[in-house]
């Protein structure tokens, strides 16, 4: 069976925080070798530490032929709002933060849903001042395997917060255990932090693969939309539109293209 890979960067405070918590939860110490092998629910898992920023891991993780890659990482924002988030890596347009232009990773919707639910559960007991959310697909690496980020935001104080590290670690473990189940949706529109898609997931157990916010919809032409459908682990049965979070011109352009692809359209 292909392994699950947990990745943290040696230069990322939040990633190191979460990795230490993960090793503590499963009962093994940190290794000076930067790589450890263990099992979770009968699945082979490998934790690796990289010297580069985590958005540049690429071939460093793909060489393991993993079934899933879980990146433990920091999240930065000017608002500095305490945040625990989940998203898929990949680039809709350029590659300013790692990865490749116009290449997105494979979205593991079931694993992302498991992580989001666990973040919400852990938030309530460990760090109630944090927000829990999906984020839109963004930054590198652009991988040809199922890949996701789980992040602590949004400043140094929060990256170092031990309880946030444990929340992230618990979420990563739940993601690693998750089996691909059912079908998923693509989310279009709204803000980068996907509030409506997050709510639909937590309240209605809706699985989401890739999510793209209002500001990136101009890059979603017909060929790229078709490409997106093939970059999800679970089959995509519908697209959920944050209707008020999409411009009129994008609605007029995107809806006919989505209908041509045979997708059911749900407006929220």
Protein backbone atom coordinates (compact mmCIF):
# COMPACT_ATOMS: atom_id res chain seq x y z
CA UNK A 1 0.00 0.00 0.00
CA UNK A 2 1.27 3.47 -0.84
CA UNK A 3 2.29 5.49 2.23
CA UNK A 4 0.81 8.63 3.70
CA UNK A 5 3.44 11.37 3.90
CA UNK A 6 3.49 14.06 6.57
CA UNK A 7 5.72 16.99 5.60
CA UNK A 8 7.08 19.85 7.69
CA UNK A 9 9.75 22.39 6.87
CA UNK A 10 12.66 22.91 9.23
CA UNK A 11 12.30 26.66 8.70
CA UNK A 12 8.57 26.75 9.50
CA UNK A 13 7.76 27.35 13.18
CA UNK A 14 4.15 26.20 12.83
CA UNK A 15 5.09 23.06 10.93
CA UNK A 16 7.68 22.12 13.54
CA UNK A 17 5.15 22.78 16.29
CA UNK A 18 2.57 20.50 14.67
CA UNK A 19 5.11 17.78 13.86
CA UNK A 20 6.30 17.67 17.48
CA UNK A 21 2.68 17.33 18.60
CA UNK A 22 2.09 14.57 16.05
CA UNK A 23 5.08 12.57 17.26
CA UNK A 24 3.92 12.99 20.85
CA UNK A 25 0.39 11.80 20.09
CA UNK A 26 1.58 8.63 18.37
CA UNK A 27 4.20 8.04 21.05
CA UNK A 28 7.49 8.28 19.22
CA UNK A 29 10.26 10.84 19.59
CA UNK A 30 11.59 13.23 16.98
CA UNK A 31 14.42 11.83 14.85
CA UNK A 32 17.59 13.71 13.98
CA UNK A 33 17.49 11.94 10.61
CA UNK A 34 14.48 13.99 9.48
CA UNK A 35 12.46 10.94 8.43
CA UNK A 36 10.41 8.51 10.50
CA UNK A 37 8.24 5.54 9.55
CA UNK A 38 5.23 4.46 11.58
CA UNK A 39 1.71 3.06 11.22
CA UNK A 40 -1.71 4.64 11.73
CA UNK A 41 -4.72 2.32 11.56
CA UNK A 42 -2.65 -0.19 9.61
CA UNK A 43 -1.40 2.37 7.10
CA UNK A 44 2.27 3.02 6.53
CA UNK A 45 3.11 6.63 7.26
CA UNK A 46 6.33 8.57 6.80
CA UNK A 47 7.09 11.94 8.34
CA UNK A 48 9.74 13.97 6.57
CA UNK A 49 11.39 17.29 7.32
CA UNK A 50 12.70 19.43 4.49
CA UNK A 51 15.25 22.24 4.49
CA UNK A 52 13.32 24.41 2.02
CA UNK A 53 10.07 26.29 2.36
CA UNK A 54 7.22 23.80 2.22
CA UNK A 55 5.76 25.26 -1.00
CA UNK A 56 8.83 23.94 -2.84
CA UNK A 57 8.74 20.26 -1.76
CA UNK A 58 7.57 18.83 -5.11
CA UNK A 59 9.75 15.89 -6.09
CA UNK A 60 10.96 15.47 -2.51
CA UNK A 61 7.61 13.91 -1.63
CA UNK A 62 6.51 12.46 -4.98
CA UNK A 63 9.49 10.07 -4.93
CA UNK A 64 7.71 8.12 -2.17
CA UNK A 65 4.75 7.42 -4.50
CA UNK A 66 2.38 8.44 -1.70
CA UNK A 67 -1.35 7.85 -1.47
CA UNK A 68 -1.69 11.19 0.32
CA UNK A 69 0.60 14.09 1.23
CA UNK A 70 -0.28 16.16 4.29
CA UNK A 71 1.68 19.39 4.66
CA UNK A 72 1.90 20.83 8.19
CA UNK A 73 2.41 24.52 7.72
CA UNK A 74 2.03 28.11 8.81
CA UNK A 75 -0.53 30.48 7.37
CA UNK A 76 0.25 34.18 7.07
CA UNK A 77 -2.17 37.08 6.76
CA UNK A 78 -2.07 40.80 7.38
CA UNK A 79 -5.18 40.55 9.56
CA UNK A 80 -3.38 38.16 11.96
CA UNK A 81 -6.71 36.47 12.73
CA UNK A 82 -6.07 33.18 14.59
CA UNK A 83 -6.92 30.51 12.02
CA UNK A 84 -6.79 26.75 11.53
CA UNK A 85 -7.28 25.98 7.85
CA UNK A 86 -7.31 23.26 5.20
CA UNK A 87 -6.68 23.59 1.47
CA UNK A 88 -5.29 22.00 -1.67
CA UNK A 89 -2.03 23.32 -3.16
CA UNK A 90 -1.85 24.42 -6.76
CA UNK A 91 -1.79 27.43 -9.05
CA UNK A 92 -4.61 28.74 -11.20
CA UNK A 93 -2.32 31.21 -12.94
CA UNK A 94 1.32 32.01 -12.13
CA UNK A 95 3.66 30.26 -9.72
CA UNK A 96 4.75 33.07 -7.42
CA UNK A 97 4.79 30.79 -4.35
CA UNK A 98 6.13 27.48 -5.57
CA UNK A 99 4.68 24.83 -7.82
CA UNK A 100 4.07 25.24 -11.54
CA UNK A 101 1.94 27.75 -13.45
CA UNK A 102 -1.59 26.57 -14.23
CA UNK A 103 -1.07 23.27 -12.42
CA UNK A 104 -3.08 22.14 -9.39
CA UNK A 105 -2.55 19.13 -7.17
CA UNK A 106 -5.06 16.30 -6.81
CA UNK A 107 -7.65 17.25 -4.18
CA UNK A 108 -8.40 14.61 -1.51
CA UNK A 109 -11.92 15.72 -0.52
CA UNK A 110 -12.59 13.01 2.10
CA UNK A 111 -9.28 13.62 3.86
CA UNK A 112 -9.84 17.38 3.80
CA UNK A 113 -13.32 16.95 5.25
CA UNK A 114 -11.96 14.71 8.02
CA UNK A 115 -9.31 17.31 8.85
CA UNK A 116 -11.79 20.18 8.85
CA UNK A 117 -14.17 18.35 11.19
CA UNK A 118 -11.35 17.46 13.56
CA UNK A 119 -10.01 21.01 13.56
CA UNK A 120 -13.45 22.24 14.56
CA UNK A 121 -13.67 19.62 17.32
CA UNK A 122 -10.19 20.40 18.64
CA UNK A 123 -10.73 24.15 18.35
CA UNK A 124 -13.63 23.96 20.78
CA UNK A 125 -11.50 22.35 23.48
CA UNK A 126 -7.95 23.55 22.78
CA UNK A 127 -8.05 26.96 21.12
CA UNK A 128 -11.55 28.49 21.04
CA UNK A 129 -10.22 31.87 19.89
CA UNK A 130 -9.27 30.39 16.49
CA UNK A 131 -11.39 30.29 13.34
CA UNK A 132 -11.63 27.04 11.38
CA UNK A 133 -12.05 27.17 7.61
CA UNK A 134 -11.28 25.87 4.19
CA UNK A 135 -9.05 28.01 2.01
CA UNK A 136 -9.15 28.23 -1.75
CA UNK A 137 -6.62 26.28 -3.81
CA UNK A 138 -3.39 28.27 -3.91
CA UNK A 139 0.45 28.17 -3.91
CA UNK A 140 2.83 25.27 -4.47
CA UNK A 141 3.73 22.55 -4.66
CA UNK A 142 1.80 21.34 -7.71
CA UNK A 143 1.73 17.57 -7.18
CA UNK A 144 0.42 14.66 -9.24
CA UNK A 145 -0.71 12.88 -6.08
CA UNK A 146 -3.49 13.68 -3.56
CA UNK A 147 -2.16 16.56 -1.50
CA UNK A 148 -3.41 18.96 1.16
CA UNK A 149 -2.22 21.60 3.60
CA UNK A 150 -3.31 21.98 7.21
CA UNK A 151 -2.19 25.32 8.60
CA UNK A 152 -1.89 27.44 11.73
CA UNK A 153 -2.39 31.17 11.22
CA UNK A 154 -1.73 33.87 11.20
CA UNK A 155 1.36 35.20 13.03
CA UNK A 156 4.37 34.04 15.01
CA UNK A 157 2.51 34.01 18.31
CA UNK A 158 -0.07 31.56 16.94
CA UNK A 159 2.46 29.48 15.01
CA UNK A 160 4.18 28.77 18.32
CA UNK A 161 1.00 28.05 20.27
CA UNK A 162 1.31 24.49 21.51
CA UNK A 163 -2.43 23.80 21.65
CA UNK A 164 -2.81 24.91 18.05
CA UNK A 165 -0.03 22.48 17.13
CA UNK A 166 -1.93 19.65 18.79
CA UNK A 167 -5.15 20.65 17.02
CA UNK A 168 -3.30 20.50 13.70
CA UNK A 169 -1.70 17.15 14.55
CA UNK A 170 -5.03 15.55 15.49
CA UNK A 171 -6.54 16.82 12.24
CA UNK A 172 -3.64 15.42 10.24
CA UNK A 173 -4.09 12.00 11.84
CA UNK A 174 -7.80 11.98 10.99
CA UNK A 175 -7.00 12.95 7.42
CA UNK A 176 -4.52 10.07 7.18
CA UNK A 177 -7.18 7.60 8.34
CA UNK A 178 -9.87 8.85 5.96
CA UNK A 179 -11.01 6.61 3.13
CA UNK A 180 -12.26 8.20 -0.11
CA UNK A 181 -16.04 8.03 0.18
CA UNK A 182 -18.79 9.08 -2.18
CA UNK A 183 -18.65 12.04 -4.49
CA UNK A 184 -17.50 15.60 -3.99
CA UNK A 185 -18.17 19.13 -5.21
CA UNK A 186 -16.07 21.93 -6.62
CA UNK A 187 -16.66 25.33 -5.02
CA UNK A 188 -16.58 28.56 -7.03
CA UNK A 189 -16.86 32.14 -5.79
CA UNK A 190 -16.70 34.03 -2.54
CA UNK A 191 -13.58 34.91 -0.62
CA UNK A 192 -10.28 33.13 -0.21
CA UNK A 193 -11.44 31.68 3.13
CA UNK A 194 -14.49 29.96 1.63
CA UNK A 195 -16.96 30.70 4.48
CA UNK A 196 -20.02 29.27 2.72
CA UNK A 197 -18.24 26.11 1.61
CA UNK A 198 -16.83 25.63 5.11
CA UNK A 199 -20.31 26.01 6.60
CA UNK A 200 -21.81 23.56 4.12
CA UNK A 201 -19.12 21.02 4.95
CA UNK A 202 -19.46 21.33 8.72
CA UNK A 203 -23.26 21.52 8.82
CA UNK A 204 -24.25 19.27 5.89
CA UNK A 205 -21.18 17.03 5.53
CA UNK A 206 -20.63 18.21 1.97
CA UNK A 207 -17.28 17.08 0.58
CA UNK A 208 -15.30 19.64 -1.38
CA UNK A 209 -12.30 19.18 -3.64
CA UNK A 210 -10.92 22.28 -5.30
CA UNK A 211 -12.33 25.68 -4.36
CA UNK A 212 -11.65 28.87 -6.30
CA UNK A 213 -12.54 32.37 -5.03
CA UNK A 214 -14.06 35.28 -6.90
CA UNK A 215 -10.73 36.94 -7.67
CA UNK A 216 -9.38 33.90 -9.54
CA UNK A 217 -12.46 32.98 -11.59
CA UNK A 218 -11.22 34.98 -14.57
CA UNK A 219 -8.49 32.35 -14.99
CA UNK A 220 -10.99 29.49 -15.23
CA UNK A 221 -11.56 29.07 -18.96
CA UNK A 222 -13.28 26.03 -20.45
CA UNK A 223 -10.12 23.89 -20.87
CA UNK A 224 -9.01 24.63 -17.31
CA UNK A 225 -12.46 23.77 -15.89
CA UNK A 226 -12.29 20.42 -17.65
CA UNK A 227 -8.77 19.92 -16.28
CA UNK A 228 -9.98 20.72 -12.74
CA UNK A 229 -12.51 17.87 -12.87
CA UNK A 230 -9.69 15.38 -13.34
CA UNK A 231 -7.64 16.72 -10.43
CA UNK A 232 -9.82 15.36 -7.63
CA UNK A 233 -9.51 12.02 -5.88
CA UNK A 234 -13.27 11.63 -5.48
CA UNK A 235 -15.60 11.89 -8.50
CA UNK A 236 -17.07 15.38 -8.90
CA UNK A 237 -20.87 15.34 -9.20
CA UNK A 238 -21.66 19.02 -8.83
CA UNK A 239 -20.33 22.53 -8.53
CA UNK A 240 -21.43 24.75 -5.66
CA UNK A 241 -21.59 28.44 -6.55
CA UNK A 242 -21.32 31.17 -3.92
CA UNK A 243 -23.77 33.12 -6.04
CA UNK A 244 -23.36 36.54 -4.47
CA UNK A 245 -19.61 36.05 -4.51
CA UNK A 246 -19.39 35.80 -8.31
CA UNK A 247 -19.49 38.73 -10.71
CA UNK A 248 -22.25 38.96 -13.30
CA UNK A 249 -19.82 38.51 -16.17
CA UNK A 250 -18.31 35.39 -14.61
CA UNK A 251 -21.78 33.94 -14.00
CA UNK A 252 -22.71 34.48 -17.63
CA UNK A 253 -19.50 32.83 -18.81
CA UNK A 254 -19.10 29.99 -16.31
CA UNK A 255 -22.61 28.58 -15.95
CA UNK A 256 -22.94 27.47 -19.61
CA UNK A 257 -19.47 25.91 -19.50
CA UNK A 258 -20.30 24.01 -16.31
CA UNK A 259 -23.54 22.75 -17.86
CA UNK A 260 -21.60 21.52 -20.90
CA UNK A 261 -19.43 19.47 -18.54
CA UNK A 262 -22.56 17.75 -17.22
CA UNK A 263 -22.22 19.08 -13.70
CA UNK A 264 -25.17 19.69 -11.44
CA UNK A 265 -25.13 23.31 -10.29
CA UNK A 266 -26.07 24.30 -6.74
CA UNK A 267 -26.34 27.97 -5.81
CA UNK A 268 -25.88 29.08 -2.21
